Protein backbone atom coordinates (compact mmCIF):
# COMPACT_ATOMS: atom_id res chain seq x y z
CA MET A 1 75.64 -117.84 69.35
CA ALA A 2 73.12 -115.21 68.32
CA LEU A 3 73.53 -111.60 69.29
CA LYS A 4 70.95 -109.81 71.39
CA ILE A 5 68.84 -107.43 69.24
CA GLU A 6 68.21 -103.98 70.69
CA ILE A 7 65.95 -101.61 68.74
CA THR A 8 65.95 -97.94 69.75
CA ALA A 9 62.65 -96.04 70.12
CA THR A 10 62.43 -94.38 66.69
CA PRO A 11 62.95 -97.51 64.54
CA PHE A 12 60.71 -99.52 66.88
CA LYS A 13 57.87 -97.03 66.37
CA TYR A 14 58.45 -97.05 62.59
CA LEU A 15 58.49 -100.87 62.50
CA LYS A 16 55.17 -101.01 64.35
CA SER A 17 53.62 -98.63 61.80
CA LEU A 18 54.47 -100.86 58.81
CA ASP A 19 52.06 -103.38 57.29
CA LYS A 20 52.25 -106.92 58.64
CA PRO A 21 54.07 -108.63 55.69
CA THR A 22 56.78 -105.95 55.59
CA ARG A 23 57.17 -106.04 59.37
CA LYS A 24 57.58 -109.82 59.18
CA ARG A 25 60.26 -109.57 56.46
CA ILE A 26 62.23 -106.99 58.46
CA THR A 27 61.93 -109.08 61.64
CA GLU A 28 63.21 -112.15 59.79
CA LYS A 29 66.17 -110.14 58.48
CA LEU A 30 66.95 -108.92 62.01
CA ASN A 31 66.95 -112.52 63.27
CA ALA A 32 69.31 -113.54 60.45
CA LEU A 33 71.58 -110.60 61.28
CA ALA A 34 71.67 -111.67 64.92
CA GLU A 35 73.12 -115.01 63.81
CA ASP A 36 75.84 -113.55 61.54
CA PRO A 37 75.85 -109.72 61.32
CA THR A 38 79.05 -109.40 59.29
CA ASN A 39 78.04 -111.83 56.54
CA ILE A 40 78.55 -109.98 53.25
CA ARG A 41 75.26 -111.40 51.91
CA LEU A 42 73.29 -109.90 54.81
CA SER A 43 74.88 -106.51 55.46
CA LEU A 44 77.52 -104.08 54.30
CA PRO A 45 79.48 -101.42 56.19
CA LEU A 46 78.64 -97.76 55.65
CA SER A 47 81.63 -95.85 54.35
CA SER A 48 81.05 -92.78 56.50
CA SER A 49 80.72 -94.41 59.94
CA GLU A 50 81.00 -97.60 61.97
CA LYS A 51 77.40 -98.49 61.18
CA ARG A 52 76.32 -101.30 58.88
CA ARG A 53 73.32 -101.49 56.57
CA ALA A 54 71.01 -104.30 55.59
CA ARG A 55 68.55 -104.33 52.71
CA VAL A 56 64.96 -105.57 52.87
CA GLY A 57 63.30 -104.68 49.56
CA SER A 58 63.13 -100.89 49.39
CA TYR A 59 63.78 -100.56 53.13
CA ARG A 60 67.12 -100.29 54.89
CA ILE A 61 68.16 -101.21 58.41
CA LEU A 62 71.07 -99.30 59.95
CA PHE A 63 72.75 -100.92 62.92
CA THR A 64 75.93 -101.19 64.97
CA ILE A 65 77.52 -104.18 66.67
CA ASP A 66 78.56 -103.56 70.27
CA GLY A 67 80.05 -106.70 71.78
CA ASP A 68 77.19 -109.19 71.99
CA THR A 69 74.46 -106.64 71.12
CA LEU A 70 73.16 -105.65 67.69
CA THR A 71 71.73 -102.12 68.11
CA VAL A 72 69.29 -100.99 65.41
CA SER A 73 69.58 -97.23 65.06
CA ASP A 74 67.21 -96.66 62.13
CA ILE A 75 64.79 -98.36 59.75
CA GLY A 76 63.30 -96.60 56.74
CA PRO A 77 62.93 -96.25 52.98
CA ARG A 78 66.12 -96.27 50.93
CA GLY A 79 65.74 -92.72 49.65
CA GLN A 80 65.51 -91.12 53.09
CA ILE A 81 67.46 -93.33 55.46
CA TYR A 82 70.95 -92.16 54.52
CA ARG A 83 70.15 -88.49 55.10
CA LYS A 84 69.93 -89.22 58.83
CA ALA A 85 73.10 -91.34 59.01
């Protein structure tokens, strides 16, 4: 059973600002994460918090798993995303 994907306002706005191919790749990754969010090939836990991270090229997706909901807290370039976490 797939988890429900919930994207907060900031990453949703950032996702909408990306070019169409990148947006599609990130959306596909989110759908794969909804199927199996703890798969080691799809995401890894962050050492400093309960969040997990997923890689899509040079972009990173930070998210948490709350019951049956996958909550995306941030999406951004690798060099800047971890400063916020």
